[in-house]
């Protein structure tokens, strides 16, 4: 039987890390102290130029449903042919976990630091959030969805025109067993430059 999320050592956690499914996530969510600790860990990612090219938006409590109403209205604009079932699903997307952290990439042109490196730093933030949450015993999953790419929905989140959502990190308690998925053999992904 596979052991997931073994926190006995850093390497054990890295070898066994497994996201929870947002489809089976429930209460309780992380405590305010746990959220604070998760975010303190996250900001220790590599950040060329010390630009802090990211920020966080927390969706908690009733704010998740209120933003769900905004998403529902926007989905109705985009897809007027969809019925109440689809609209209900869209409005409940952020309610699938007690806390959702939107990681926002604030990457911008810089005389020395490429935008790509700034965006990679935001990706590192997302992964570090997962590792920190898992180390604390909090179920987590990194998702994106249509609302991360729709300009009007992003504006409703409070994003500036140049900002992007790097990920939505759902935090809660798994209500179903974690299941392994196939993983690649890293040796099959390696080439050694200059090797005969």
Protein backbone atom coordinates (compact mmCIF):
# COMPACT_ATOMS: atom_id res chain seq x y z
CA UNK A 1 0.00 0.00 0.00
CA UNK A 2 1.34 3.43 -0.93
CA UNK A 3 1.97 5.85 1.90
CA UNK A 4 1.15 9.41 0.91
CA UNK A 5 2.40 12.65 2.42
CA UNK A 6 4.98 11.11 4.75
CA UNK A 7 6.22 14.00 6.89
CA UNK A 8 8.99 12.07 8.66
CA UNK A 9 11.60 13.96 6.63
CA UNK A 10 11.80 16.50 3.85
CA UNK A 11 12.82 13.83 1.35
CA UNK A 12 10.07 11.48 2.51
CA UNK A 13 7.53 14.24 1.92
CA UNK A 14 8.92 15.03 -1.52
CA UNK A 15 8.85 11.34 -2.50
CA UNK A 16 5.29 10.80 -1.24
CA UNK A 17 3.54 14.15 -1.85
CA UNK A 18 0.04 13.73 -3.27
CA UNK A 19 -2.61 16.35 -3.76
CA UNK A 20 -6.08 15.87 -2.38
CA UNK A 21 -8.91 16.08 -4.89
CA UNK A 22 -10.87 19.30 -4.71
CA UNK A 23 -13.91 17.20 -5.64
CA UNK A 24 -13.67 15.44 -2.28
CA UNK A 25 -12.42 18.23 -0.04
CA UNK A 26 -14.32 19.40 3.00
CA UNK A 27 -14.17 20.96 6.43
CA UNK A 28 -12.26 21.73 8.47
CA UNK A 29 -10.04 24.12 6.62
CA UNK A 30 -6.71 25.40 7.82
CA UNK A 31 -6.69 27.61 10.89
CA UNK A 32 -5.64 31.26 10.58
CA UNK A 33 -2.32 30.28 12.18
CA UNK A 34 -1.81 27.52 9.62
CA UNK A 35 -2.62 29.87 6.74
CA UNK A 36 -0.11 32.36 8.08
CA UNK A 37 2.56 29.67 8.37
CA UNK A 38 1.84 28.33 4.87
CA UNK A 39 2.23 31.83 3.40
CA UNK A 40 5.44 32.47 5.38
CA UNK A 41 6.90 29.30 3.86
CA UNK A 42 5.70 30.21 0.37
CA UNK A 43 7.51 33.54 0.18
CA UNK A 44 10.88 31.80 0.62
CA UNK A 45 10.92 30.69 -3.02
CA UNK A 46 13.70 31.71 -5.43
CA UNK A 47 13.11 35.28 -6.56
CA UNK A 48 15.78 36.72 -8.87
CA UNK A 49 16.22 40.38 -8.06
CA UNK A 50 14.15 40.21 -4.86
CA UNK A 51 11.15 41.61 -6.73
CA UNK A 52 8.41 39.70 -4.89
CA UNK A 53 6.58 39.30 -8.22
CA UNK A 54 3.49 37.71 -6.70
CA UNK A 55 0.73 38.30 -4.18
CA UNK A 56 -2.16 36.38 -2.65
CA UNK A 57 -5.94 36.69 -2.62
CA UNK A 58 -7.73 34.61 0.04
CA UNK A 59 -11.28 33.40 -0.51
CA UNK A 60 -12.77 32.33 2.83
CA UNK A 61 -16.19 31.99 4.40
CA UNK A 62 -19.03 33.82 2.68
CA UNK A 63 -16.63 35.56 0.29
CA UNK A 64 -16.41 32.29 -1.65
CA UNK A 65 -20.16 32.30 -2.34
CA UNK A 66 -20.20 36.02 -3.17
CA UNK A 67 -17.46 35.55 -5.72
CA UNK A 68 -19.34 32.48 -6.95
CA UNK A 69 -22.26 34.78 -7.79
CA UNK A 70 -19.89 36.93 -9.86
CA UNK A 71 -18.59 33.86 -11.69
CA UNK A 72 -22.14 32.64 -12.31
CA UNK A 73 -23.17 35.97 -13.84
CA UNK A 74 -20.08 36.04 -16.03
CA UNK A 75 -20.60 32.42 -17.14
CA UNK A 76 -24.18 33.30 -18.10
CA UNK A 77 -22.78 36.12 -20.28
CA UNK A 78 -20.24 33.80 -21.90
CA UNK A 79 -22.56 30.80 -22.29
CA UNK A 80 -26.22 31.91 -22.42
CA UNK A 81 -27.16 28.46 -23.71
CA UNK A 82 -26.14 26.79 -20.43
CA UNK A 83 -28.84 25.89 -17.93
CA UNK A 84 -29.16 26.09 -14.18
CA UNK A 85 -27.14 22.93 -13.60
CA UNK A 86 -24.02 24.40 -15.24
CA UNK A 87 -24.59 27.75 -13.57
CA UNK A 88 -24.93 26.06 -10.19
CA UNK A 89 -21.67 24.22 -10.70
CA UNK A 90 -19.85 27.42 -11.65
CA UNK A 91 -21.23 29.36 -8.69
CA UNK A 92 -20.08 26.61 -6.31
CA UNK A 93 -16.55 26.17 -7.59
CA UNK A 94 -14.85 28.06 -4.76
CA UNK A 95 -17.12 26.39 -2.19
CA UNK A 96 -15.45 23.02 -2.82
CA UNK A 97 -12.83 23.82 -0.15
CA UNK A 98 -12.97 25.91 3.01
CA UNK A 99 -10.13 28.19 1.84
CA UNK A 100 -8.91 29.05 -1.64
CA UNK A 101 -5.69 30.98 -2.16
CA UNK A 102 -5.29 32.70 -5.51
CA UNK A 103 -1.61 33.13 -6.30
CA UNK A 104 -1.26 36.21 -8.48
CA UNK A 105 1.78 36.74 -10.65
CA UNK A 106 2.59 40.45 -10.73
CA UNK A 107 5.42 39.95 -13.24
CA UNK A 108 6.27 43.04 -15.24
CA UNK A 109 8.98 44.22 -17.60
CA UNK A 110 12.25 44.87 -15.77
CA UNK A 111 15.62 46.07 -17.05
CA UNK A 112 17.45 43.02 -15.69
CA UNK A 113 14.98 40.29 -14.68
CA UNK A 114 13.05 38.55 -17.49
CA UNK A 115 9.28 38.33 -17.07
CA UNK A 116 9.57 34.55 -17.55
CA UNK A 117 11.77 34.23 -14.44
CA UNK A 118 9.26 36.25 -12.44
CA UNK A 119 6.44 33.99 -13.62
CA UNK A 120 8.44 30.89 -12.72
CA UNK A 121 8.81 32.32 -9.22
CA UNK A 122 5.00 32.48 -8.95
CA UNK A 123 4.86 28.81 -9.99
CA UNK A 124 7.36 28.03 -7.25
CA UNK A 125 5.06 29.84 -4.82
CA UNK A 126 2.21 27.50 -5.78
CA UNK A 127 4.30 24.35 -5.26
CA UNK A 128 5.68 25.61 -1.96
CA UNK A 129 2.15 26.34 -0.76
CA UNK A 130 1.30 22.71 -1.49
CA UNK A 131 4.36 21.41 0.34
CA UNK A 132 3.78 23.62 3.38
CA UNK A 133 0.10 22.72 3.58
CA UNK A 134 0.88 19.03 3.24
CA UNK A 135 3.55 19.24 5.95
CA UNK A 136 0.90 20.71 8.26
CA UNK A 137 -1.58 17.94 7.42
CA UNK A 138 -3.82 20.20 5.35
CA UNK A 139 -5.31 18.73 2.17
CA UNK A 140 -4.50 20.80 -0.87
CA UNK A 141 -4.72 20.97 -4.65
CA UNK A 142 -3.38 23.44 -7.24
CA UNK A 143 -5.93 24.20 -9.95
CA UNK A 144 -6.68 26.79 -12.56
CA UNK A 145 -9.89 27.16 -14.47
CA UNK A 146 -11.62 29.51 -16.87
CA UNK A 147 -11.94 32.29 -14.27
CA UNK A 148 -8.15 32.51 -14.09
CA UNK A 149 -8.01 33.53 -17.75
CA UNK A 150 -11.15 35.61 -18.22
CA UNK A 151 -10.35 39.33 -18.14
CA UNK A 152 -13.64 40.41 -16.52
CA UNK A 153 -13.48 37.78 -13.80
CA UNK A 154 -9.85 38.61 -13.09
CA UNK A 155 -10.80 42.28 -12.81
CA UNK A 156 -13.53 41.32 -10.32
CA UNK A 157 -10.83 39.57 -8.27
CA UNK A 158 -8.94 42.86 -8.20
CA UNK A 159 -6.20 42.00 -10.69
CA UNK A 160 -4.48 44.70 -12.71
CA UNK A 161 -4.37 44.25 -16.48
CA UNK A 162 -0.81 42.85 -16.45
CA UNK A 163 -1.40 40.40 -13.56
CA UNK A 164 -2.13 36.69 -14.03
CA UNK A 165 -3.50 33.97 -11.77
CA UNK A 166 -0.71 31.42 -11.42
CA UNK A 167 -2.96 29.05 -9.52
CA UNK A 168 -5.87 28.53 -7.19
CA UNK A 169 -4.71 26.55 -4.18
CA UNK A 170 -7.65 24.78 -2.55
CA UNK A 171 -7.14 24.01 1.15
CA UNK A 172 -9.26 21.71 3.29
CA UNK A 173 -9.63 18.16 4.56
CA UNK A 174 -9.77 15.19 2.18
CA UNK A 175 -13.00 13.22 2.58
CA UNK A 176 -11.88 10.32 0.37
CA UNK A 177 -8.69 8.26 0.22
CA UNK A 178 -5.88 9.66 -1.90
CA UNK A 179 -5.14 7.69 -5.05
CA UNK A 180 -1.82 7.37 -6.82
CA UNK A 181 -1.46 8.25 -10.47
CA UNK A 182 1.22 7.10 -12.90
CA UNK A 183 4.51 8.94 -12.48
CA UNK A 184 7.22 9.12 -15.12
CA UNK A 185 10.59 7.46 -14.68
CA UNK A 186 12.90 10.47 -14.37
CA UNK A 187 15.73 8.54 -16.03
CA UNK A 188 13.65 8.45 -19.19
CA UNK A 189 13.55 12.24 -19.20
CA UNK A 190 17.32 12.80 -18.86
CA UNK A 191 19.83 13.45 -21.59
CA UNK A 192 23.47 14.05 -20.84
CA UNK A 193 24.85 16.74 -23.02
CA UNK A 194 27.95 15.66 -24.87
CA UNK A 195 27.49 11.97 -24.09
CA UNK A 196 28.41 9.58 -26.89
